[in-house]
């Protein structure tokens, strides 16, 4: 996640975290997801990082595809605050992929190609996730085309 608003002064980082925390606390799921990722990746203490994981998982449970992907990544790799759990990683990646997250579909396809994440080598299931990724790419392409097309009068 690129976060140019976190670059620069410590004051700017604190202000940004404060604003995202307020939005997250107000129930904005996108802000909760972003705030969680910021805390997990840039938090100064283990407590910050643990709170970041909780925020990401909470946003994932609320159905946020990017948070679901990030939760899968956190569980796949583990960290000091959370044990590596391949079964949970697969669950979160699958939820994200089904919601249209291309990175999650690609990760599952690769996992079935190479027998990663505790999954068997299964070319058919790998193909399924590649098709999900392709379908997501088609939707993204159509969305970008319609967004750039002039409005009809």
N, C-alpha and C. Protein backbone atom coordinates (compact mmCIF):
# COMPACT_ATOMS: atom_id res chain seq x y z
N UNK A 1 0.84 -1.18 0.00
CA UNK A 1 0.00 0.00 0.00
C UNK A 1 0.88 1.23 0.00
N UNK A 2 0.76 2.06 -1.01
CA UNK A 2 1.47 3.32 -1.07
C UNK A 2 0.73 4.31 -0.18
N UNK A 3 1.45 4.99 0.67
CA UNK A 3 0.82 5.95 1.58
C UNK A 3 1.62 7.24 1.60
N UNK A 4 1.53 8.05 0.52
CA UNK A 4 2.33 9.27 0.47
C UNK A 4 1.98 10.24 1.59
N UNK A 5 0.76 10.15 2.12
CA UNK A 5 0.38 11.05 3.21
C UNK A 5 1.10 10.73 4.51
N UNK A 6 1.79 9.57 4.57
CA UNK A 6 2.55 9.22 5.77
C UNK A 6 4.01 9.61 5.66
N UNK A 7 4.42 10.07 4.48
CA UNK A 7 5.81 10.47 4.30
C UNK A 7 6.00 11.86 4.89
N UNK A 8 7.19 12.13 5.32
CA UNK A 8 7.48 13.46 5.84
C UNK A 8 7.59 13.47 7.34
N UNK A 9 7.02 14.50 7.93
CA UNK A 9 7.21 14.75 9.36
C UNK A 9 6.42 13.78 10.24
N UNK A 10 6.91 13.65 11.45
CA UNK A 10 6.21 12.82 12.44
C UNK A 10 4.84 13.43 12.76
N UNK A 11 4.76 14.74 12.77
CA UNK A 11 3.48 15.42 13.03
C UNK A 11 2.44 15.05 11.97
N UNK A 12 2.88 15.03 10.71
CA UNK A 12 1.98 14.68 9.62
C UNK A 12 1.49 13.24 9.77
N UNK A 13 2.37 12.33 10.15
CA UNK A 13 1.97 10.92 10.36
C UNK A 13 0.97 10.80 11.50
N UNK A 14 1.24 11.49 12.61
CA UNK A 14 0.32 11.44 13.75
C UNK A 14 -1.06 12.00 13.38
N UNK A 15 -1.07 13.10 12.65
CA UNK A 15 -2.33 13.73 12.23
C UNK A 15 -3.10 12.79 11.31
N UNK A 16 -2.40 12.18 10.36
CA UNK A 16 -3.05 11.26 9.43
C UNK A 16 -3.65 10.07 10.17
N UNK A 17 -2.88 9.48 11.07
CA UNK A 17 -3.40 8.35 11.86
C UNK A 17 -4.61 8.77 12.68
N UNK A 18 -4.53 9.97 13.26
CA UNK A 18 -5.64 10.48 14.08
C UNK A 18 -6.91 10.61 13.23
N UNK A 19 -6.78 11.18 12.03
CA UNK A 19 -7.95 11.37 11.17
C UNK A 19 -8.53 10.03 10.72
N UNK A 20 -7.66 9.10 10.33
CA UNK A 20 -8.17 7.78 9.93
C UNK A 20 -8.82 7.07 11.11
N UNK A 21 -8.25 7.21 12.31
CA UNK A 21 -8.85 6.58 13.50
C UNK A 21 -10.24 7.14 13.75
N UNK A 22 -10.39 8.46 13.62
CA UNK A 22 -11.71 9.07 13.85
C UNK A 22 -12.73 8.56 12.84
N UNK A 23 -12.32 8.47 11.58
CA UNK A 23 -13.23 7.96 10.55
C UNK A 23 -13.57 6.49 10.80
N UNK A 24 -12.56 5.71 11.18
CA UNK A 24 -12.78 4.30 11.48
C UNK A 24 -13.74 4.14 12.65
N UNK A 25 -13.54 4.95 13.70
CA UNK A 25 -14.40 4.88 14.87
C UNK A 25 -15.83 5.32 14.56
N UNK A 26 -15.98 6.12 13.51
CA UNK A 26 -17.31 6.57 13.10
C UNK A 26 -18.02 5.53 12.23
N UNK A 27 -17.34 4.42 11.95
CA UNK A 27 -17.98 3.33 11.22
C UNK A 27 -17.64 3.26 9.74
N UNK A 28 -16.68 4.01 9.28
CA UNK A 28 -16.29 3.99 7.86
C UNK A 28 -15.36 2.80 7.63
N UNK A 29 -15.83 1.78 6.93
CA UNK A 29 -15.09 0.53 6.77
C UNK A 29 -13.82 0.73 5.96
N UNK A 30 -13.86 1.57 4.92
CA UNK A 30 -12.63 1.84 4.15
C UNK A 30 -11.56 2.45 5.05
N UNK A 31 -11.96 3.39 5.89
CA UNK A 31 -11.01 4.03 6.81
C UNK A 31 -10.50 3.02 7.83
N UNK A 32 -11.36 2.14 8.31
CA UNK A 32 -10.95 1.11 9.26
C UNK A 32 -9.88 0.22 8.64
N UNK A 33 -10.10 -0.18 7.40
CA UNK A 33 -9.14 -1.02 6.70
C UNK A 33 -7.80 -0.30 6.54
N UNK A 34 -7.85 0.92 6.05
CA UNK A 34 -6.62 1.70 5.83
C UNK A 34 -5.90 1.98 7.14
N UNK A 35 -6.65 2.35 8.15
CA UNK A 35 -6.06 2.62 9.47
C UNK A 35 -5.38 1.37 10.01
N UNK A 36 -6.03 0.23 9.87
CA UNK A 36 -5.45 -1.02 10.33
C UNK A 36 -4.15 -1.35 9.62
N UNK A 37 -4.14 -1.19 8.30
CA UNK A 37 -2.92 -1.47 7.53
C UNK A 37 -1.81 -0.49 7.93
N UNK A 38 -2.16 0.78 8.12
CA UNK A 38 -1.15 1.77 8.53
C UNK A 38 -0.56 1.41 9.88
N UNK A 39 -1.41 1.05 10.83
CA UNK A 39 -0.91 0.67 12.15
C UNK A 39 -0.05 -0.58 12.08
N UNK A 40 -0.51 -1.57 11.33
CA UNK A 40 0.23 -2.83 11.25
C UNK A 40 1.59 -2.63 10.60
N UNK A 41 1.64 -1.85 9.54
CA UNK A 41 2.91 -1.69 8.81
C UNK A 41 3.82 -0.63 9.39
N UNK A 42 3.25 0.41 9.98
CA UNK A 42 4.06 1.53 10.44
C UNK A 42 3.95 1.83 11.92
N UNK A 43 3.20 1.01 12.63
CA UNK A 43 3.04 1.23 14.06
C UNK A 43 4.38 1.14 14.78
N UNK A 44 4.53 1.93 15.81
CA UNK A 44 5.79 2.01 16.54
C UNK A 44 5.95 0.89 17.56
N UNK A 45 4.85 0.39 18.07
CA UNK A 45 4.93 -0.61 19.14
C UNK A 45 4.19 -1.89 18.74
N UNK A 46 4.43 -2.93 19.49
CA UNK A 46 3.71 -4.19 19.27
C UNK A 46 2.22 -3.98 19.50
N UNK A 47 1.88 -3.11 20.42
CA UNK A 47 0.48 -2.80 20.71
C UNK A 47 -0.20 -2.15 19.49
N UNK A 48 0.52 -1.21 18.84
CA UNK A 48 -0.01 -0.58 17.62
C UNK A 48 -0.25 -1.62 16.54
N UNK A 49 0.72 -2.50 16.36
CA UNK A 49 0.62 -3.53 15.32
C UNK A 49 -0.53 -4.49 15.62
N UNK A 50 -0.71 -4.86 16.89
CA UNK A 50 -1.81 -5.75 17.26
C UNK A 50 -3.16 -5.07 17.01
N UNK A 51 -3.24 -3.79 17.31
CA UNK A 51 -4.48 -3.04 17.04
C UNK A 51 -4.71 -2.97 15.54
N UNK A 52 -3.64 -2.82 14.76
CA UNK A 52 -3.77 -2.80 13.30
C UNK A 52 -4.35 -4.11 12.77
N UNK A 53 -3.86 -5.22 13.30
CA UNK A 53 -4.39 -6.53 12.88
C UNK A 53 -5.87 -6.62 13.22
N UNK A 54 -6.24 -6.19 14.42
CA UNK A 54 -7.66 -6.24 14.81
C UNK A 54 -8.53 -5.39 13.89
N UNK A 55 -8.03 -4.21 13.52
CA UNK A 55 -8.80 -3.34 12.61
C UNK A 55 -8.95 -3.96 11.23
N UNK A 56 -7.87 -4.54 10.72
CA UNK A 56 -7.93 -5.18 9.39
C UNK A 56 -8.93 -6.33 9.42
N UNK A 57 -8.86 -7.16 10.44
CA UNK A 57 -9.77 -8.31 10.53
C UNK A 57 -11.21 -7.83 10.70
N UNK A 58 -11.42 -6.78 11.47
CA UNK A 58 -12.77 -6.25 11.65
C UNK A 58 -13.33 -5.73 10.31
N UNK A 59 -12.51 -5.02 9.54
CA UNK A 59 -12.94 -4.54 8.23
C UNK A 59 -13.18 -5.72 7.28
N UNK A 60 -12.34 -6.74 7.37
CA UNK A 60 -12.51 -7.94 6.54
C UNK A 60 -13.84 -8.62 6.88
N UNK A 61 -14.14 -8.73 8.15
CA UNK A 61 -15.40 -9.35 8.57
C UNK A 61 -16.60 -8.55 8.10
N UNK A 62 -16.40 -7.24 7.92
CA UNK A 62 -17.48 -6.38 7.42
C UNK A 62 -17.63 -6.48 5.90
N UNK A 63 -16.76 -7.28 5.25
CA UNK A 63 -16.90 -7.51 3.82
C UNK A 63 -16.03 -6.65 2.93
N UNK A 64 -15.05 -5.97 3.47
CA UNK A 64 -14.16 -5.11 2.67
C UNK A 64 -13.12 -5.96 1.95
N UNK A 65 -13.16 -6.03 0.60
CA UNK A 65 -12.27 -6.94 -0.14
C UNK A 65 -10.78 -6.69 0.09
N UNK A 66 -10.36 -5.44 0.13
CA UNK A 66 -8.93 -5.16 0.35
C UNK A 66 -8.51 -5.61 1.75
N UNK A 67 -9.37 -5.40 2.73
CA UNK A 67 -9.07 -5.86 4.09
C UNK A 67 -9.03 -7.38 4.15
N UNK A 68 -9.91 -8.03 3.40
CA UNK A 68 -9.90 -9.50 3.35
C UNK A 68 -8.57 -9.99 2.77
N UNK A 69 -8.11 -9.33 1.72
CA UNK A 69 -6.81 -9.69 1.12
C UNK A 69 -5.69 -9.46 2.13
N UNK A 70 -5.70 -8.32 2.80
CA UNK A 70 -4.66 -8.01 3.79
C UNK A 70 -4.70 -9.00 4.95
N UNK A 71 -5.90 -9.38 5.38
CA UNK A 71 -6.01 -10.38 6.45
C UNK A 71 -5.40 -11.70 6.00
N UNK A 72 -5.66 -12.09 4.75
CA UNK A 72 -5.05 -13.30 4.21
C UNK A 72 -3.54 -13.20 4.22
N UNK A 73 -3.02 -12.06 3.83
CA UNK A 73 -1.57 -11.85 3.80
C UNK A 73 -0.98 -11.94 5.22
N UNK A 74 -1.66 -11.32 6.16
CA UNK A 74 -1.18 -11.34 7.56
C UNK A 74 -1.16 -12.78 8.08
N UNK A 75 -2.24 -13.53 7.84
CA UNK A 75 -2.28 -14.92 8.31
C UNK A 75 -1.31 -15.81 7.55
N UNK A 76 -1.08 -15.52 6.28
CA UNK A 76 -0.12 -16.33 5.51
C UNK A 76 1.29 -16.20 6.06
N UNK A 77 1.68 -15.00 6.37
CA UNK A 77 3.06 -14.75 6.79
C UNK A 77 3.24 -14.74 8.30
N UNK A 78 2.17 -14.49 9.03
CA UNK A 78 2.27 -14.41 10.48
C UNK A 78 3.12 -13.23 10.90
N UNK A 79 3.18 -12.99 12.17
CA UNK A 79 3.99 -11.91 12.73
C UNK A 79 4.06 -12.14 14.24
N UNK A 80 4.69 -11.24 14.91
CA UNK A 80 4.83 -11.36 16.36
C UNK A 80 3.46 -11.41 17.04
N UNK A 81 2.52 -10.64 16.52
CA UNK A 81 1.21 -10.52 17.15
C UNK A 81 0.25 -11.64 16.77
N UNK A 82 0.51 -12.32 15.67
CA UNK A 82 -0.46 -13.31 15.20
C UNK A 82 0.29 -14.49 14.57
N UNK A 83 -0.13 -15.67 14.93
CA UNK A 83 0.53 -16.87 14.43
C UNK A 83 0.18 -17.10 12.96
N UNK A 84 1.09 -17.73 12.26
CA UNK A 84 0.87 -18.08 10.87
C UNK A 84 -0.23 -19.15 10.82
N UNK A 85 -1.28 -18.88 10.05
CA UNK A 85 -2.40 -19.81 9.92
C UNK A 85 -2.80 -19.90 8.46
N UNK A 86 -2.29 -20.92 7.77
CA UNK A 86 -2.56 -21.05 6.35
C UNK A 86 -4.04 -21.25 6.06
N UNK A 87 -4.74 -21.97 6.94
CA UNK A 87 -6.17 -22.20 6.72
C UNK A 87 -6.95 -20.89 6.73
N UNK A 88 -6.62 -20.01 7.66
CA UNK A 88 -7.28 -18.70 7.70
C UNK A 88 -6.87 -17.83 6.51
N UNK A 89 -5.61 -17.94 6.11
CA UNK A 89 -5.15 -17.18 4.95
C UNK A 89 -5.96 -17.57 3.71
N UNK A 90 -6.13 -18.87 3.51
CA UNK A 90 -6.90 -19.35 2.34
C UNK A 90 -8.34 -18.84 2.42
N UNK A 91 -8.93 -18.89 3.60
CA UNK A 91 -10.31 -18.42 3.77
C UNK A 91 -10.44 -16.95 3.38
N UNK A 92 -9.53 -16.11 3.91
CA UNK A 92 -9.61 -14.68 3.61
C UNK A 92 -9.30 -14.38 2.15
N UNK A 93 -8.31 -15.07 1.59
CA UNK A 93 -8.01 -14.88 0.17
C UNK A 93 -9.23 -15.26 -0.69
N UNK A 94 -9.89 -16.37 -0.35
CA UNK A 94 -11.05 -16.81 -1.13
C UNK A 94 -12.18 -15.80 -1.04
N UNK A 95 -12.43 -15.28 0.15
CA UNK A 95 -13.49 -14.27 0.30
C UNK A 95 -13.17 -13.02 -0.52
N UNK A 96 -11.91 -12.59 -0.46
CA UNK A 96 -11.51 -11.41 -1.22
C UNK A 96 -11.63 -11.65 -2.72
N UNK A 97 -11.18 -12.82 -3.17
CA UNK A 97 -11.24 -13.15 -4.60
C UNK A 97 -12.68 -13.21 -5.08
N UNK A 98 -13.54 -13.80 -4.29
CA UNK A 98 -14.96 -13.88 -4.66
C UNK A 98 -15.61 -12.50 -4.70
N UNK A 99 -15.04 -11.56 -3.96
CA UNK A 99 -15.54 -10.18 -3.97
C UNK A 99 -14.89 -9.35 -5.08
N UNK A 100 -14.01 -9.98 -5.88
CA UNK A 100 -13.42 -9.29 -7.01
C UNK A 100 -12.01 -8.78 -6.82
N UNK A 101 -11.32 -9.19 -5.76
CA UNK A 101 -9.95 -8.74 -5.54
C UNK A 101 -9.00 -9.58 -6.38
N UNK A 102 -8.37 -8.95 -7.37
CA UNK A 102 -7.51 -9.67 -8.32
C UNK A 102 -6.30 -10.30 -7.64
N UNK A 103 -5.67 -9.59 -6.72
CA UNK A 103 -4.48 -10.12 -6.05
C UNK A 103 -4.78 -11.39 -5.27
N UNK A 104 -5.95 -11.44 -4.67
CA UNK A 104 -6.34 -12.64 -3.92
C UNK A 104 -6.56 -13.82 -4.86
N UNK A 105 -7.21 -13.57 -5.99
CA UNK A 105 -7.44 -14.65 -6.97
C UNK A 105 -6.11 -15.14 -7.52
N UNK A 106 -5.20 -14.23 -7.79
CA UNK A 106 -3.87 -14.61 -8.29
C UNK A 106 -3.12 -15.44 -7.26
N UNK A 107 -3.22 -15.04 -5.99
CA UNK A 107 -2.52 -15.78 -4.93
C UNK A 107 -3.06 -17.19 -4.81
N UNK A 108 -4.37 -17.35 -4.87
CA UNK A 108 -4.96 -18.69 -4.77
C UNK A 108 -4.60 -19.53 -5.98
N UNK A 109 -4.59 -18.94 -7.15
CA UNK A 109 -4.20 -19.68 -8.35
C UNK A 109 -2.76 -20.18 -8.22
N UNK A 110 -1.88 -19.30 -7.77
CA UNK A 110 -0.47 -19.68 -7.57
C UNK A 110 -0.33 -20.75 -6.50
N UNK A 111 -1.13 -20.64 -5.44
CA UNK A 111 -1.07 -21.63 -4.36
C UNK A 111 -1.48 -23.01 -4.86
N UNK A 112 -2.51 -23.07 -5.69
CA UNK A 112 -2.93 -24.37 -6.24
C UNK A 112 -1.95 -24.87 -7.30
N UNK A 113 -1.27 -23.96 -7.99
CA UNK A 113 -0.25 -24.38 -8.97
C UNK A 113 0.94 -25.05 -8.29
N UNK A 114 1.34 -24.51 -7.13
CA UNK A 114 2.59 -24.94 -6.49
C UNK A 114 2.39 -25.70 -5.17
N UNK A 115 1.14 -25.94 -4.78
CA UNK A 115 0.90 -26.65 -3.54
C UNK A 115 1.29 -25.84 -2.32
N UNK A 116 1.01 -24.56 -2.34
CA UNK A 116 1.34 -23.68 -1.21
C UNK A 116 0.12 -23.49 -0.31
N UNK A 117 0.33 -22.88 0.82
CA UNK A 117 -0.72 -22.58 1.80
C UNK A 117 -1.45 -23.84 2.29
N UNK A 118 -0.76 -24.95 2.28
CA UNK A 118 -1.36 -26.19 2.72
C UNK A 118 -2.36 -26.77 1.73
N UNK A 119 -2.37 -26.24 0.52
CA UNK A 119 -3.30 -26.71 -0.51
C UNK A 119 -2.60 -27.72 -1.41
N UNK A 120 -3.36 -28.66 -1.96
CA UNK A 120 -2.75 -29.63 -2.88
C UNK A 120 -2.50 -28.97 -4.24
N UNK A 121 -1.60 -29.54 -5.00
CA UNK A 121 -1.44 -29.10 -6.39
C UNK A 121 -2.71 -29.53 -7.12
N UNK A 122 -3.41 -28.57 -7.69
CA UNK A 122 -4.68 -28.85 -8.34
C UNK A 122 -4.86 -27.89 -9.52
N UNK A 123 -4.47 -28.33 -10.72
CA UNK A 123 -4.56 -27.45 -11.89
C UNK A 123 -5.97 -26.94 -12.17
N UNK A 124 -6.98 -27.74 -11.88
CA UNK A 124 -8.35 -27.33 -12.15
C UNK A 124 -8.77 -26.18 -11.23
N UNK A 125 -8.44 -26.28 -9.97
CA UNK A 125 -8.78 -25.20 -9.03
C UNK A 125 -7.94 -23.95 -9.31
N UNK A 126 -6.70 -24.17 -9.73
CA UNK A 126 -5.86 -23.04 -10.12
C UNK A 126 -6.50 -22.30 -11.29
N UNK A 127 -6.98 -23.08 -12.25
CA UNK A 127 -7.64 -22.50 -13.42
C UNK A 127 -8.90 -21.73 -12.99
N UNK A 128 -9.65 -22.28 -12.04
CA UNK A 128 -10.85 -21.60 -11.53
C UNK A 128 -10.49 -20.20 -11.02
N UNK A 129 -9.43 -20.10 -10.21
CA UNK A 129 -9.07 -18.81 -9.65
C UNK A 129 -8.49 -17.87 -10.70
N UNK A 130 -7.83 -18.42 -11.73
CA UNK A 130 -7.39 -17.58 -12.85
C UNK A 130 -8.59 -17.00 -13.58
N UNK A 131 -9.63 -17.81 -13.75
CA UNK A 131 -10.85 -17.32 -14.40
C UNK A 131 -11.53 -16.24 -13.56
N UNK A 132 -11.52 -16.42 -12.24
CA UNK A 132 -12.07 -15.40 -11.35
C UNK A 132 -11.28 -14.10 -11.52
N UNK A 133 -9.96 -14.23 -11.59
CA UNK A 133 -9.10 -13.05 -11.79
C UNK A 133 -9.40 -12.40 -13.13
N UNK A 134 -9.53 -13.21 -14.18
CA UNK A 134 -9.84 -12.66 -15.50
C UNK A 134 -11.18 -11.95 -15.51
N UNK A 135 -12.17 -12.53 -14.85
CA UNK A 135 -13.48 -11.90 -14.76
C UNK A 135 -13.40 -10.58 -14.01
N UNK A 136 -12.60 -10.55 -12.94
CA UNK A 136 -12.41 -9.31 -12.18
C UNK A 136 -11.74 -8.26 -13.04
N UNK A 137 -10.77 -8.69 -13.84
CA UNK A 137 -10.06 -7.76 -14.73
C UNK A 137 -11.03 -7.19 -15.76
N UNK A 138 -11.93 -8.01 -16.26
CA UNK A 138 -12.92 -7.54 -17.22
C UNK A 138 -13.84 -6.50 -16.61
N UNK A 139 -14.26 -6.72 -15.39
CA UNK A 139 -15.11 -5.75 -14.69
C UNK A 139 -14.34 -4.46 -14.46
N UNK A 140 -13.07 -4.57 -14.02
CA UNK A 140 -12.26 -3.37 -13.79
C UNK A 140 -12.08 -2.60 -15.09
N UNK A 141 -11.85 -3.31 -16.20
CA UNK A 141 -11.65 -2.66 -17.48
C UNK A 141 -12.93 -1.95 -17.91
N UNK A 142 -14.06 -2.61 -17.77
CA UNK A 142 -15.33 -1.99 -18.15
C UNK A 142 -15.63 -0.77 -17.28
N UNK A 143 -15.29 -0.85 -16.01
CA UNK A 143 -15.51 0.27 -15.10
C UNK A 143 -14.65 1.45 -15.51
N UNK A 144 -13.38 1.19 -15.85
CA UNK A 144 -12.51 2.30 -16.24
C UNK A 144 -12.93 2.88 -17.58
N UNK A 145 -13.43 2.05 -18.50
CA UNK A 145 -13.90 2.55 -19.79
C UNK A 145 -15.13 3.43 -19.58
N UNK A 146 -16.07 2.97 -18.77
CA UNK A 146 -17.29 3.76 -18.55
C UNK A 146 -16.98 5.04 -17.79
N UNK A 147 -15.99 5.01 -16.91
CA UNK A 147 -15.63 6.21 -16.16
C UNK A 147 -14.97 7.25 -17.07
N UNK A 148 -14.25 6.78 -18.10
CA UNK A 148 -13.55 7.72 -18.98
C UNK A 148 -14.40 8.12 -20.18
N UNK A 149 -15.51 7.41 -20.40
CA UNK A 149 -16.37 7.73 -21.55
C UNK A 149 -17.16 9.00 -21.28
N UNK A 150 -17.37 9.81 -22.32
CA UNK A 150 -18.17 11.03 -22.11
C UNK A 150 -19.62 10.66 -21.80
N UNK A 151 -20.25 11.45 -21.00
CA UNK A 151 -21.65 11.21 -20.65
C UNK A 151 -22.55 11.45 -21.86
N UNK A 152 -23.54 10.61 -22.02
CA UNK A 152 -24.50 10.77 -23.11
C UNK A 152 -25.55 11.78 -22.69
N UNK A 153 -25.92 12.62 -23.63
CA UNK A 153 -26.91 13.66 -23.35
C UNK A 153 -28.26 13.27 -23.88
